[in-house]
Amino acid sequence: MAIQKKVSLNFYLKPNPMDPATLQNLLILACPFLAFFAGIVIRKVALPGRNSPPMYQQLLLGIPICLIVISPLLPLLQSSASTSNFTVFLVTVGIIMEHGMIVPETATDQLNKLRQRGRHSALGV
C-alpha cells in the first residue's frame, strides 16, 4: 500500500516573497532592453525623419539589433549595479537608448533601399 501524504492548500496559496537580489537582477536585465525600444518609440514619435520607415519595421528589426548591442553590455551593467556605481549604469542605459534611436531606423532604411534596388535590377530597370 502506498502511503499518501496529506498536502495542505496553504502550501500552494502562500505568497512567495521574491528575493531582493533576484528582483534587482531582473531589473538590470530588463532595463536596457526597455530603454532600447523606448529609443525607437521616441525617435519615431518625437523626432521622425523625412522618409522614416514604419514603426513596426523598426521594432521588428530592433529585436536582433538589440540582442547584438545589449548582450555584450550586460556584464558591465551587472558589475556597475553590484558596486553601487549608479552613474555608470545610467550612462550605459543612455547609450543603449541612443542606439535605439539611431540604428534601427538607419538599418531599416538601408534594407528597404537594397530591396528596392533588387526589384529594379530584377525588372531590368
PDB file of N, CA and C in Angstrom:
ATOM      1  N   MET A   1       0.836  -1.194   0.000  1.00  0.00           N
ATOM      2  CA  MET A   1       0.000   0.000   0.000  1.00  0.00           C
ATOM      3  C   MET A   1       0.877   1.252   0.000  1.00  0.00           C
ATOM      4  N   ALA A   2       0.476   2.156  -0.817  1.00  0.00           N
ATOM      5  CA  ALA A   2       1.203   3.421  -0.883  1.00  0.00           C
ATOM      6  C   ALA A   2       0.711   4.347   0.223  1.00  0.00           C
ATOM      7  N   ILE A   3       1.645   4.991   0.830  1.00  0.00           N
ATOM      8  CA  ILE A   3       1.295   5.944   1.879  1.00  0.00           C
ATOM      9  C   ILE A   3       1.100   7.300   1.217  1.00  0.00           C
ATOM     10  N   GLN A   4      -0.067   7.864   1.413  1.00  0.00           N
ATOM     11  CA  GLN A   4      -0.352   9.172   0.830  1.00  0.00           C
ATOM     12  C   GLN A   4      -0.102  10.241   1.874  1.00  0.00           C
ATOM     13  N   LYS A   5       0.655  11.238   1.433  1.00  0.00           N
ATOM     14  CA  LYS A   5       0.960  12.346   2.323  1.00  0.00           C
ATOM     15  C   LYS A   5      -0.091  13.424   2.115  1.00  0.00           C
ATOM     16  N   LYS A   6      -0.620  13.918   3.199  1.00  0.00           N
ATOM     17  CA  LYS A   6      -1.645  14.942   3.117  1.00  0.00           C
ATOM     18  C   LYS A   6      -0.958  16.285   2.862  1.00  0.00           C
ATOM     19  N   VAL A   7      -1.349  16.935   1.782  1.00  0.00           N
ATOM     20  CA  VAL A   7      -0.779  18.231   1.424  1.00  0.00           C
ATOM     21  C   VAL A   7      -1.844  19.284   1.645  1.00  0.00           C
ATOM     22  N   SER A   8      -1.484  20.284   2.422  1.00  0.00           N
ATOM     23  CA  SER A   8      -2.468  21.335   2.678  1.00  0.00           C
ATOM     24  C   SER A   8      -2.455  22.358   1.550  1.00  0.00           C
ATOM     25  N   LEU A   9      -3.568  23.033   1.383  1.00  0.00           N
ATOM     26  CA  LEU A   9      -3.675  24.067   0.363  1.00  0.00           C
ATOM     27  C   LEU A   9      -2.844  25.296   0.705  1.00  0.00           C
ATOM     28  N   ASN A  10      -2.526  25.465   1.966  1.00  0.00           N
ATOM     29  CA  ASN A  10      -1.738  26.633   2.365  1.00  0.00           C
ATOM     30  C   ASN A  10      -0.366  26.649   1.696  1.00  0.00           C
ATOM     31  N   PHE A  11       0.146  25.466   1.389  1.00  0.00           N
ATOM     32  CA  PHE A  11       1.451  25.390   0.721  1.00  0.00           C
ATOM     33  C   PHE A  11       1.386  26.064  -0.643  1.00  0.00           C
ATOM     34  N   TYR A  12       0.286  25.903  -1.349  1.00  0.00           N
ATOM     35  CA  TYR A  12       0.155  26.466  -2.687  1.00  0.00           C
ATOM     36  C   TYR A  12      -0.316  27.921  -2.674  1.00  0.00           C
ATOM     37  N   LEU A  13      -0.980  28.329  -1.623  1.00  0.00           N
ATOM     38  CA  LEU A  13      -1.562  29.664  -1.569  1.00  0.00           C
ATOM     39  C   LEU A  13      -0.681  30.683  -0.853  1.00  0.00           C
ATOM     40  N   LYS A  14       0.416  30.242  -0.282  1.00  0.00           N
ATOM     41  CA  LYS A  14       1.286  31.163   0.440  1.00  0.00           C
ATOM     42  C   LYS A  14       1.948  32.125  -0.545  1.00  0.00           C
ATOM     43  N   PRO A  15       1.967  33.396  -0.208  1.00  0.00           N
ATOM     44  CA  PRO A  15       2.714  34.310  -1.076  1.00  0.00           C
ATOM     45  C   PRO A  15       4.202  34.020  -0.962  1.00  0.00           C
ATOM     46  N   ASN A  16       4.870  34.008  -2.085  1.00  0.00           N
ATOM     47  CA  ASN A  16       6.295  33.728  -2.112  1.00  0.00           C
ATOM     48  C   ASN A  16       7.041  35.041  -2.311  1.00  0.00           C
ATOM     49  N   PRO A  17       7.580  35.600  -1.246  1.00  0.00           N
ATOM     50  CA  PRO A  17       8.273  36.873  -1.407  1.00  0.00           C
ATOM     51  C   PRO A  17       9.527  36.680  -2.261  1.00  0.00           C
ATOM     52  N   MET A  18       9.711  37.593  -3.205  1.00  0.00           N
ATOM     53  CA  MET A  18      10.861  37.490  -4.104  1.00  0.00           C
ATOM     54  C   MET A  18      12.103  38.023  -3.394  1.00  0.00           C
ATOM     55  N   ASP A  19      13.172  37.352  -3.590  1.00  0.00           N
ATOM     56  CA  ASP A  19      14.446  37.771  -3.033  1.00  0.00           C
ATOM     57  C   ASP A  19      14.823  39.122  -3.643  1.00  0.00           C
ATOM     58  N   PRO A  20      15.258  40.094  -2.839  1.00  0.00           N
ATOM     59  CA  PRO A  20      15.615  41.406  -3.390  1.00  0.00           C
ATOM     60  C   PRO A  20      16.724  41.335  -4.444  1.00  0.00           C
ATOM     61  N   ALA A  21      17.654  40.420  -4.300  1.00  0.00           N
ATOM     62  CA  ALA A  21      18.720  40.296  -5.298  1.00  0.00           C
ATOM     63  C   ALA A  21      18.165  39.791  -6.631  1.00  0.00           C
ATOM     64  N   THR A  22      17.189  38.914  -6.566  1.00  0.00           N
ATOM     65  CA  THR A  22      16.567  38.425  -7.793  1.00  0.00           C
ATOM     66  C   THR A  22      15.810  39.542  -8.488  1.00  0.00           C
ATOM     67  N   LEU A  23      15.094  40.348  -7.730  1.00  0.00           N
ATOM     68  CA  LEU A  23      14.376  41.479  -8.297  1.00  0.00           C
ATOM     69  C   LEU A  23      15.346  42.478  -8.930  1.00  0.00           C
ATOM     70  N   GLN A  24      16.448  42.745  -8.251  1.00  0.00           N
ATOM     71  CA  GLN A  24      17.454  43.658  -8.791  1.00  0.00           C
ATOM     72  C   GLN A  24      18.047  43.110 -10.089  1.00  0.00           C
ATOM     73  N   ASN A  25      18.354  41.825 -10.131  1.00  0.00           N
ATOM     74  CA  ASN A  25      18.900  41.227 -11.350  1.00  0.00           C
ATOM     75  C   ASN A  25      17.902  41.287 -12.500  1.00  0.00           C
ATOM     76  N   LEU A  26      16.614  41.067 -12.216  1.00  0.00           N
ATOM     77  CA  LEU A  26      15.595  41.166 -13.265  1.00  0.00           C
ATOM     78  C   LEU A  26      15.479  42.593 -13.799  1.00  0.00           C
ATOM     79  N   LEU A  27      15.557  43.573 -12.916  1.00  0.00           N
ATOM     80  CA  LEU A  27      15.502  44.969 -13.358  1.00  0.00           C
ATOM     81  C   LEU A  27      16.732  45.347 -14.170  1.00  0.00           C
ATOM     82  N   ILE A  28      17.891  44.864 -13.758  1.00  0.00           N
ATOM     83  CA  ILE A  28      19.121  45.144 -14.503  1.00  0.00           C
ATOM     84  C   ILE A  28      19.043  44.503 -15.878  1.00  0.00           C
ATOM     85  N   LEU A  29      18.437  43.349 -15.983  1.00  0.00           N
ATOM     86  CA  LEU A  29      18.298  42.668 -17.263  1.00  0.00           C
ATOM     87  C   LEU A  29      17.247  43.338 -18.151  1.00  0.00           C
ATOM     88  N   ALA A  30      16.135  43.757 -17.585  1.00  0.00           N
ATOM     89  CA  ALA A  30      15.032  44.311 -18.383  1.00  0.00           C
ATOM     90  C   ALA A  30      15.247  45.769 -18.772  1.00  0.00           C
ATOM     91  N   CYS A  31      15.904  46.539 -17.935  1.00  0.00           N
ATOM     92  CA  CYS A  31      16.051  47.978 -18.172  1.00  0.00           C
ATOM     93  C   CYS A  31      16.730  48.312 -19.507  1.00  0.00           C
ATOM     94  N   PRO A  32      17.844  47.686 -19.879  1.00  0.00           N
ATOM     95  CA  PRO A  32      18.463  48.037 -21.159  1.00  0.00           C
ATOM     96  C   PRO A  32      17.591  47.710 -22.368  1.00  0.00           C
ATOM     97  N   PHE A  33      16.881  46.583 -22.323  1.00  0.00           N
ATOM     98  CA  PHE A  33      16.014  46.220 -23.443  1.00  0.00           C
ATOM     99  C   PHE A  33      14.849  47.199 -23.561  1.00  0.00           C
ATOM    100  N   LEU A  34      14.264  47.577 -22.418  1.00  0.00           N
ATOM    101  CA  LEU A  34      13.193  48.563 -22.443  1.00  0.00           C
ATOM    102  C   LEU A  34      13.698  49.916 -22.930  1.00  0.00           C
ATOM    103  N   ALA A  35      14.907  50.286 -22.526  1.00  0.00           N
ATOM    104  CA  ALA A  35      15.478  51.561 -22.966  1.00  0.00           C
ATOM    105  C   ALA A  35      15.721  51.563 -24.469  1.00  0.00           C
ATOM    106  N   PHE A  36      16.176  50.441 -25.020  1.00  0.00           N
ATOM    107  CA  PHE A  36      16.422  50.350 -26.458  1.00  0.00           C
ATOM    108  C   PHE A  36      15.123  50.564 -27.230  1.00  0.00           C
ATOM    109  N   PHE A  37      14.061  49.865 -26.831  1.00  0.00           N
ATOM    110  CA  PHE A  37      12.799  50.003 -27.545  1.00  0.00           C
ATOM    111  C   PHE A  37      12.134  51.350 -27.253  1.00  0.00           C
ATOM    112  N   ALA A  38      12.375  51.920 -26.081  1.00  0.00           N
ATOM    113  CA  ALA A  38      11.891  53.284 -25.815  1.00  0.00           C
ATOM    114  C   ALA A  38      12.580  54.271 -26.749  1.00  0.00           C
ATOM    115  N   GLY A  39      13.864  54.034 -27.047  1.00  0.00           N
ATOM    116  CA  GLY A  39      14.568  54.881 -28.002  1.00  0.00           C
ATOM    117  C   GLY A  39      13.954  54.828 -29.385  1.00  0.00           C
ATOM    118  N   ILE A  40      13.516  53.645 -29.804  1.00  0.00           N
ATOM    119  CA  ILE A  40      12.855  53.507 -31.110  1.00  0.00           C
ATOM    120  C   ILE A  40      11.558  54.311 -31.116  1.00  0.00           C
ATOM    121  N   VAL A  41      10.773  54.186 -30.056  1.00  0.00           N
ATOM    122  CA  VAL A  41       9.490  54.888 -29.986  1.00  0.00           C
ATOM    123  C   VAL A  41       9.707  56.400 -29.915  1.00  0.00           C
ATOM    124  N   ILE A  42      10.676  56.846 -29.115  1.00  0.00           N
ATOM    125  CA  ILE A  42      10.960  58.284 -29.011  1.00  0.00           C
ATOM    126  C   ILE A  42      11.362  58.841 -30.356  1.00  0.00           C
ATOM    127  N   ARG A  43      12.230  58.138 -31.052  1.00  0.00           N
ATOM    128  CA  ARG A  43      12.674  58.610 -32.369  1.00  0.00           C
ATOM    129  C   ARG A  43      11.505  58.682 -33.350  1.00  0.00           C
ATOM    130  N   LYS A  44      10.643  57.691 -33.342  1.00  0.00           N
ATOM    131  CA  LYS A  44       9.535  57.644 -34.296  1.00  0.00           C
ATOM    132  C   LYS A  44       8.470  58.684 -33.969  1.00  0.00           C
ATOM    133  N   VAL A  45       8.181  58.890 -32.689  1.00  0.00           N
ATOM    134  CA  VAL A  45       7.101  59.798 -32.293  1.00  0.00           C
ATOM    135  C   VAL A  45       7.575  61.246 -32.218  1.00  0.00           C
ATOM    136  N   ALA A  46       8.691  61.489 -31.548  1.00  0.00           N
ATOM    137  CA  ALA A  46       9.122  62.866 -31.296  1.00  0.00           C
ATOM    138  C   ALA A  46      10.033  63.427 -32.382  1.00  0.00           C
ATOM    139  N   LEU A  47      10.862  62.589 -32.985  1.00  0.00           N
ATOM    140  CA  LEU A  47      11.849  63.081 -33.951  1.00  0.00           C
ATOM    141  C   LEU A  47      11.821  62.270 -35.244  1.00  0.00           C
ATOM    142  N   PRO A  48      10.677  62.182 -35.920  1.00  0.00           N
ATOM    143  CA  PRO A  48      10.645  61.349 -37.124  1.00  0.00           C
ATOM    144  C   PRO A  48      11.453  61.972 -38.258  1.00  0.00           C
ATOM    145  N   GLY A  49      12.089  61.127 -39.047  1.00  0.00           N
ATOM    146  CA  GLY A  49      12.839  61.585 -40.204  1.00  0.00           C
ATOM    147  C   GLY A  49      11.907  61.855 -41.371  1.00  0.00           C
ATOM    148  N   ARG A  50      12.473  62.435 -42.427  1.00  0.00           N
ATOM    149  CA  ARG A  50      11.666  62.761 -43.604  1.00  0.00           C
ATOM    150  C   ARG A  50      11.082  61.509 -44.237  1.00  0.00           C
ATOM    151  N   ASN A  51      11.906  60.524 -44.464  1.00  0.00           N
ATOM    152  CA  ASN A  51      11.468  59.265 -45.066  1.00  0.00           C
ATOM    153  C   ASN A  51      11.566  58.131 -44.051  1.00  0.00           C
ATOM    154  N   SER A  52      11.065  58.380 -42.872  1.00  0.00           N
ATOM    155  CA  SER A  52      11.174  57.416 -41.781  1.00  0.00           C
ATOM    156  C   SER A  52      10.343  56.171 -42.080  1.00  0.00           C
ATOM    157  N   PRO A  53      10.954  54.979 -41.928  1.00  0.00           N
ATOM    158  CA  PRO A  53      10.200  53.733 -42.154  1.00  0.00           C
ATOM    159  C   PRO A  53       9.105  53.563 -41.096  1.00  0.00           C
ATOM    160  N   PRO A  54       8.128  52.698 -41.362  1.00  0.00           N
ATOM    161  CA  PRO A  54       7.065  52.460 -40.372  1.00  0.00           C
ATOM    162  C   PRO A  54       7.621  51.894 -39.066  1.00  0.00           C
ATOM    163  N   MET A  55       6.915  52.187 -37.986  1.00  0.00           N
ATOM    164  CA  MET A  55       7.392  51.764 -36.672  1.00  0.00           C
ATOM    165  C   MET A  55       7.465  50.249 -36.555  1.00  0.00           C
ATOM    166  N   TYR A  56       6.512  49.524 -37.143  1.00  0.00           N
ATOM    167  CA  TYR A  56       6.531  48.071 -36.998  1.00  0.00           C
ATOM    168  C   TYR A  56       7.792  47.477 -37.623  1.00  0.00           C
ATOM    169  N   GLN A  57       8.277  48.057 -38.731  1.00  0.00           N
ATOM    170  CA  GLN A  57       9.521  47.555 -39.327  1.00  0.00           C
ATOM    171  C   GLN A  57      10.709  47.832 -38.410  1.00  0.00           C
ATOM    172  N   GLN A  58      10.728  49.010 -37.807  1.00  0.00           N
ATOM    173  CA  GLN A  58      11.829  49.345 -36.901  1.00  0.00           C
ATOM    174  C   GLN A  58      11.810  48.469 -35.659  1.00  0.00           C
ATOM    175  N   LEU A  59      10.618  48.208 -35.125  1.00  0.00           N
ATOM    176  CA  LEU A  59      10.534  47.360 -33.938  1.00  0.00           C
ATOM    177  C   LEU A  59      10.940  45.923 -34.245  1.00  0.00           C
ATOM    178  N   LEU A  60      10.517  45.413 -35.393  1.00  0.00           N
ATOM    179  CA  LEU A  60      10.892  44.044 -35.754  1.00  0.00           C
ATOM    180  C   LEU A  60      12.386  43.918 -36.002  1.00  0.00           C
ATOM    181  N   LEU A  61      12.976  44.877 -36.705  1.00  0.00           N
ATOM    182  CA  LEU A  61      14.420  44.835 -36.930  1.00  0.00           C
ATOM    183  C   LEU A  61      15.182  45.148 -35.643  1.00  0.00           C
ATOM    184  N   GLY A  62      14.521  45.831 -34.715  1.00  0.00           N
ATOM    185  CA  GLY A  62      15.156  46.153 -33.446  1.00  0.00           C
ATOM    186  C   GLY A  62      15.412  44.943 -32.572  1.00  0.00           C
ATOM    187  N   ILE A  63      14.661  43.863 -32.783  1.00  0.00           N
ATOM    188  CA  ILE A  63      14.847  42.672 -31.939  1.00  0.00           C
ATOM    189  C   ILE A  63      16.241  42.082 -32.106  1.00  0.00           C
ATOM    190  N   PRO A  64      16.679  41.720 -33.323  1.00  0.00           N
ATOM    191  CA  PRO A  64      18.047  41.185 -33.413  1.00  0.00           C
ATOM    192  C   PRO A  64      19.114  42.232 -33.135  1.00  0.00           C
ATOM    193  N   ILE A  65      18.838  43.492 -33.498  1.00  0.00           N
ATOM    194  CA  ILE A  65      19.836  44.541 -33.237  1.00  0.00           C
ATOM    195  C   ILE A  65      20.036  44.722 -31.736  1.00  0.00           C
ATOM    196  N   CYS A  66      18.944  44.722 -30.977  1.00  0.00           N
ATOM    197  CA  CYS A  66      19.106  44.928 -29.527  1.00  0.00           C
ATOM    198  C   CYS A  66      19.840  43.760 -28.886  1.00  0.00           C
ATOM    199  N   LEU A  67      19.640  42.554 -29.403  1.00  0.00           N
ATOM    200  CA  LEU A  67      20.386  41.416 -28.852  1.00  0.00           C
ATOM    201  C   LEU A  67      21.880  41.562 -29.132  1.00  0.00           C
ATOM    202  N   ILE A  68      22.216  42.095 -30.304  1.00  0.00           N
ATOM    203  CA  ILE A  68      23.629  42.296 -30.644  1.00  0.00           C
ATOM    204  C   ILE A  68      24.240  43.433 -29.835  1.00  0.00           C
ATOM    205  N   VAL A  69      23.492  44.508 -29.641  1.00  0.00           N
ATOM    206  CA  VAL A  69      24.023  45.693 -28.962  1.00  0.00           C
ATOM    207  C   VAL A  69      24.054  45.505 -27.451  1.00  0.00           C
ATOM    208  N   ILE A  70      23.000  44.940 -26.890  1.00  0.00           N
ATOM    209  CA  ILE A  70      22.860  44.906 -25.436  1.00  0.00           C
ATOM    210  C   ILE A  70      23.601  43.736 -24.787  1.00  0.00           C
ATOM    211  N   SER A  71      23.619  42.594 -25.422  1.00  0.00           N
ATOM    212  CA  SER A  71      24.226  41.410 -24.795  1.00  0.00           C
ATOM    213  C   SER A  71      25.656  41.630 -24.307  1.00  0.00           C
ATOM    214  N   PRO A  72      26.532  42.264 -25.099  1.00  0.00           N
ATOM    215  CA  PRO A  72      27.885  42.480 -24.571  1.00  0.00           C
ATOM    216  C   PRO A  72      27.946  43.477 -23.416  1.00  0.00           C
ATOM    217  N   LEU A  73      26.922  44.309 -23.276  1.00  0.00           N
ATOM    218  CA  LEU A  73      26.941  45.321 -22.217  1.00  0.00           C
ATOM    219  C   LEU A  73      26.345  44.827 -20.899  1.00  0.00           C
ATOM    220  N   LEU A  74      25.692  43.678 -20.906  1.00  0.00           N
ATOM    221  CA  LEU A  74      25.061  43.191 -19.677  1.00  0.00           C
ATOM    222  C   LEU A  74      26.054  42.946 -18.536  1.00  0.00           C
ATOM    223  N   PRO A  75      27.243  42.364 -18.781  1.00  0.00           N
ATOM    224  CA  PRO A  75      28.191  42.223 -17.656  1.00  0.00           C
ATOM    225  C   PRO A  75      28.624  43.571 -17.078  1.00  0.00           C
ATOM    226  N   LEU A  76      28.776  44.578 -17.938  1.00  0.00           N
ATOM    227  CA  LEU A  76      29.121  45.918 -17.451  1.00  0.00           C
ATOM    228  C   LEU A  76      28.004  46.466 -16.574  1.00  0.00           C
ATOM    229  N   LEU A  77      26.773  46.285 -17.008  1.00  0.00           N
ATOM    230  CA  LEU A  77      25.645  46.757 -16.213  1.00  0.00           C
ATOM    231  C   LEU A  77      25.542  46.018 -14.886  1.00  0.00           C
ATOM    232  N   GLN A  78      25.781  44.715 -14.918  1.00  0.00           N
ATOM    233  CA  GLN A  78      25.718  43.926 -13.684  1.00  0.00           C
ATOM    234  C   GLN A  78      26.798  44.366 -12.700  1.00  0.00           C
ATOM    235  N   SER A  79      28.006  44.574 -13.197  1.00  0.00           N
ATOM    236  CA  SER A  79      29.092  44.965 -12.288  1.00  0.00           C
ATOM    237  C   SER A  79      28.900  46.381 -11.780  1.00  0.00           C
ATOM    238  N   SER A  80      28.381  47.279 -12.607  1.00  0.00           N
ATOM    239  CA  SER A  80      28.163  48.647 -12.145  1.00  0.00           C
ATOM    240  C   SER A  80      27.041  48.707 -11.122  1.00  0.00           C
ATOM    241  N   ALA A  81      26.037  47.864 -11.269  1.00  0.00           N
ATOM    242  CA  ALA A  81      24.953  47.842 -10.292  1.00  0.00           C
ATOM    243  C   ALA A  81      25.387  47.176  -8.987  1.00  0.00           C
ATOM    244  N   SER A  82      26.235  46.168  -9.084  1.00  0.00           N
ATOM    245  CA  SER A  82      26.660  45.480  -7.864  1.00  0.00           C
ATOM    246  C   SER A  82      27.648  46.311  -7.050  1.00  0.00           C
ATOM    247  N   THR A  83      28.374  47.215  -7.703  1.00  0.00           N
ATOM    248  CA  THR A  83      29.307  48.081  -6.974  1.00  0.00           C
ATOM    249  C   THR A  83      28.668  49.418  -6.608  1.00  0.00           C
ATOM    250  N   SER A  84      27.370  49.542  -6.797  1.00  0.00           N
ATOM    251  CA  SER A  84      26.610  50.754  -6.486  1.00  0.00           C
ATOM    252  C   SER A  84      27.113  51.962  -7.254  1.00  0.00           C
ATOM    253  N   ASN A  85      27.644  51.741  -8.437  1.00  0.00           N
ATOM    254  CA  ASN A  85      28.079  52.825  -9.296  1.00  0.00           C
ATOM    255  C   ASN A  85      26.935  53.140 -10.261  1.00  0.00           C
ATOM    256  N   PHE A  86      25.965  53.885  -9.760  1.00  0.00           N
ATOM    257  CA  PHE A  86      24.743  54.129 -10.499  1.00  0.00           C
ATOM    258  C   PHE A  86      24.972  55.037 -11.709  1.00  0.00           C
ATOM    259  N   THR A  87      25.997  55.876 -11.651  1.00  0.00           N
ATOM    260  CA  THR A  87      26.302  56.761 -12.775  1.00  0.00           C
ATOM    261  C   THR A  87      26.683  55.957 -14.014  1.00  0.00           C
ATOM    262  N   VAL A  88      27.522  54.967 -13.846  1.00  0.00           N
ATOM    263  CA  VAL A  88      27.927  54.119 -14.974  1.00  0.00           C
ATOM    264  C   VAL A  88      26.711  53.401 -15.534  1.00  0.00           C
ATOM    265  N   PHE A  89      25.842  52.932 -14.666  1.00  0.00           N
ATOM    266  CA  PHE A  89      24.629  52.246 -15.107  1.00  0.00           C
ATOM    267  C   PHE A  89      23.753  53.167 -15.952  1.00  0.00           C
ATOM    268  N   LEU A  90      23.522  54.383 -15.480  1.00  0.00           N
ATOM    269  CA  LEU A  90      22.657  55.310 -16.211  1.00  0.00           C
ATOM    270  C   LEU A  90      23.281  55.761 -17.537  1.00  0.00           C
ATOM    271  N   VAL A  91      24.582  55.996 -17.548  1.00  0.00           N
ATOM    272  CA  VAL A  91      25.240  56.385 -18.796  1.00  0.00           C
ATOM    273  C   VAL A  91      25.151  55.251 -19.816  1.00  0.00           C
ATOM    274  N   THR A  92      25.359  54.033 -19.371  1.00  0.00           N
ATOM    275  CA  THR A  92      25.279  52.887 -20.279  1.00  0.00           C
ATOM    276  C   THR A  92      23.860  52.703 -20.812  1.00  0.00           C
ATOM    277  N   VAL A  93      22.862  52.858 -19.963  1.00  0.00           N
ATOM    278  CA  VAL A  93      21.472  52.751 -20.410  1.00  0.00           C
ATOM    279  C   VAL A  93      21.149  53.897 -21.371  1.00  0.00           C
ATOM    280  N   GLY A  94      21.696  55.080 -21.140  1.00  0.00           N
ATOM    281  CA  GLY A  94      21.509  56.199 -22.068  1.00  0.00           C
ATOM    282  C   GLY A  94      22.126  55.929 -23.429  1.00  0.00           C
ATOM    283  N   ILE A  95      23.296  55.317 -23.444  1.00  0.00           N
ATOM    284  CA  ILE A  95      23.942  54.956 -24.714  1.00  0.00           C
ATOM    285  C   ILE A  95      23.099  53.911 -25.449  1.00  0.00           C
ATOM    286  N   ILE A  96      22.562  52.963 -24.704  1.00  0.00           N
ATOM    287  CA  ILE A  96      21.705  51.947 -25.316  1.00  0.00           C
ATOM    288  C   ILE A  96      20.453  52.595 -25.906  1.00  0.00           C
ATOM    289  N   MET A  97      19.864  53.562 -25.193  1.00  0.00           N
ATOM    290  CA  MET A  97      18.687  54.251 -25.715  1.00  0.00           C
ATOM    291  C   MET A  97      19.040  55.032 -26.976  1.00  0.00           C
ATOM    292  N   GLU A  98      20.208  55.650 -26.989  1.00  0.00           N
ATOM    293  CA  GLU A  98      20.658  56.380 -28.177  1.00  0.00           C
ATOM    294  C   GLU A  98      20.830  55.432 -29.367  1.00  0.00           C
ATOM    295  N   HIS A  99      21.354  54.246 -29.121  1.00  0.00           N
ATOM    296  CA  HIS A  99      21.441  53.242 -30.182  1.00  0.00           C
ATOM    297  C   HIS A  99      20.047  52.898 -30.704  1.00  0.00           C
ATOM    298  N   GLY A 100      19.084  52.801 -29.801  1.00  0.00           N
ATOM    299  CA  GLY A 100      17.717  52.523 -30.212  1.00  0.00           C
ATOM    300  C   GLY A 100      17.124  53.632 -31.055  1.00  0.00           C
ATOM    301  N   MET A 101      17.590  54.845 -30.857  1.00  0.00           N
ATOM    302  CA  MET A 101      17.071  55.973 -31.634  1.00  0.00           C
ATOM    303  C   MET A 101      17.684  56.028 -33.030  1.00  0.00           C
ATOM    304  N   ILE A 102      18.898  55.560 -33.178  1.00  0.00           N
ATOM    305  CA  ILE A 102      19.613  55.760 -34.442  1.00  0.00           C
ATOM    306  C   ILE A 102      19.681  54.496 -35.289  1.00  0.00           C
ATOM    307  N   VAL A 103      20.133  53.411 -34.726  1.00  0.00           N
ATOM    308  CA  VAL A 103      20.489  52.225 -35.506  1.00  0.00           C
ATOM    309  C   VAL A 103      19.298  51.572 -36.220  1.00  0.00           C
ATOM    310  N   PRO A 104      18.167  51.284 -35.560  1.00  0.00           N
ATOM    311  CA  PRO A 104      17.092  50.579 -36.271  1.00  0.00           C
ATOM    312  C   PRO A 104      16.520  51.372 -37.455  1.00  0.00           C
ATOM    313  N   GLU A 105      16.378  52.686 -37.298  1.00  0.00           N
ATOM    314  CA  GLU A 105      15.835  53.470 -38.410  1.00  0.00           C
ATOM    315  C   GLU A 105      16.792  53.462 -39.593  1.00  0.00           C
ATOM    316  N   THR A 106      18.079  53.644 -39.321  1.00  0.00           N
ATOM    317  CA  THR A 106      19.066  53.633 -40.398  1.00  0.00           C
ATOM    318  C   THR A 106      19.136  52.266 -41.061  1.00  0.00           C
ATOM    319  N   ALA A 107      19.154  51.199 -40.264  1.00  0.00           N
ATOM    320  CA  ALA A 107      19.234  49.845 -40.826  1.00  0.00           C
ATOM    321  C   ALA A 107      17.984  49.506 -41.631  1.00  0.00           C
ATOM    322  N   THR A 108      16.821  49.877 -41.136  1.00  0.00           N
ATOM    323  CA  THR A 108      15.579  49.611 -41.868  1.00  0.00           C
ATOM    324  C   THR A 108      15.550  50.372 -43.179  1.00  0.00           C
ATOM    325  N   ASP A 109      15.985  51.623 -43.147  1.00  0.00           N
ATOM    326  CA  ASP A 109      16.021  52.435 -44.367  1.00  0.00           C
ATOM    327  C   ASP A 109      16.983  51.827 -45.394  1.00  0.00           C
ATOM    328  N   GLN A 110      18.154  51.387 -44.938  1.00  0.00           N
ATOM    329  CA  GLN A 110      19.122  50.778 -45.855  1.00  0.00           C
ATOM    330  C   GLN A 110      18.604  49.463 -46.434  1.00  0.00           C
ATOM    331  N   LEU A 111      17.956  48.650 -45.605  1.00  0.00           N
ATOM    332  CA  LEU A 111      17.395  47.392 -46.106  1.00  0.00           C
ATOM    333  C   LEU A 111      16.279  47.642 -47.114  1.00  0.00           C
ATOM    334  N   ASN A 112      15.448  48.658 -46.883  1.00  0.00           N
ATOM    335  CA  ASN A 112      14.402  48.996 -47.851  1.00  0.00           C
ATOM    336  C   ASN A 112      15.008  49.462 -49.173  1.00  0.00           C
ATOM    337  N   LYS A 113      16.082  50.249 -49.116  1.00  0.00           N
ATOM    338  CA  LYS A 113      16.754  50.688 -50.339  1.00  0.00           C
ATOM    339  C   LYS A 113      17.349  49.503 -51.096  1.00  0.00           C
ATOM    340  N   LEU A 114      17.965  48.581 -50.390  1.00  0.00           N
ATOM    341  CA  LEU A 114      18.514  47.386 -51.036  1.00  0.00           C
ATOM    342  C   LEU A 114      17.414  46.550 -51.679  1.00  0.00           C
ATOM    343  N   ARG A 115      16.285  46.435 -51.005  1.00  0.00           N
ATOM    344  CA  ARG A 115      15.172  45.656 -51.546  1.00  0.00           C
ATOM    345  C   ARG A 115      14.621  46.321 -52.812  1.00  0.00           C
ATOM    346  N   GLN A 116      14.509  47.654 -52.804  1.00  0.00           N
ATOM    347  CA  GLN A 116      14.029  48.358 -53.991  1.00  0.00           C
ATOM    348  C   GLN A 116      15.027  48.245 -55.141  1.00  0.00           C
ATOM    349  N   ARG A 117      16.309  48.336 -54.829  1.00  0.00           N
ATOM    350  CA  ARG A 117      17.335  48.191 -55.855  1.00  0.00           C
ATOM    351  C   ARG A 117      17.308  46.789 -56.455  1.00  0.00           C
ATOM    352  N   GLY A 118      17.041  45.793 -55.634  1.00  0.00           N
ATOM    353  CA  GLY A 118      16.933  44.424 -56.113  1.00  0.00           C
ATOM    354  C   GLY A 118      15.743  44.238 -57.022  1.00  0.00           C
ATOM    355  N   ARG A 119      14.645  44.902 -56.715  1.00  0.00           N
ATOM    356  CA  ARG A 119      13.457  44.818 -57.583  1.00  0.00           C
ATOM    357  C   ARG A 119      13.728  45.462 -58.934  1.00  0.00           C
ATOM    358  N   HIS A 120      14.398  46.617 -58.903  1.00  0.00           N
ATOM    359  CA  HIS A 120      14.685  47.316 -60.157  1.00  0.00           C
ATOM    360  C   HIS A 120      15.641  46.514 -61.035  1.00  0.00           C
ATOM    361  N   SER A 121      16.620  45.879 -60.423  1.00  0.00           N
ATOM    362  CA  SER A 121      17.564  45.089 -61.231  1.00  0.00           C
ATOM    363  C   SER A 121      16.883  43.824 -61.765  1.00  0.00           C
ATOM    364  N   ALA A 122      15.931  43.281 -61.021  1.00  0.00           N
ATOM    365  CA  ALA A 122      15.229  42.091 -61.493  1.00  0.00           C
ATOM    366  C   ALA A 122      14.283  42.446 -62.658  1.00  0.00           C
ATOM    367  N   LEU A 123      13.774  43.686 -62.642  1.00  0.00           N
ATOM    368  CA  LEU A 123      12.877  44.123 -63.716  1.00  0.00           C
ATOM    369  C   LEU A 123      13.652  44.626 -64.930  1.00  0.00           C
ATOM    370  N   GLY A 124      14.955  44.792 -64.782  1.00  0.00           N
ATOM    371  CA  GLY A 124      15.789  45.275 -65.887  1.00  0.00           C
ATOM    372  C   GLY A 124      15.765  46.784 -66.018  1.00  0.00           C
ATOM    373  N   VAL A 125      15.455  47.487 -64.950  1.00  0.00           N
ATOM    374  CA  VAL A 125      15.410  48.957 -64.990  1.00  0.00           C
ATOM    375  C   VAL A 125      16.757  49.517 -64.662  1.00  0.00           C
TER     376      VAL A 125
END
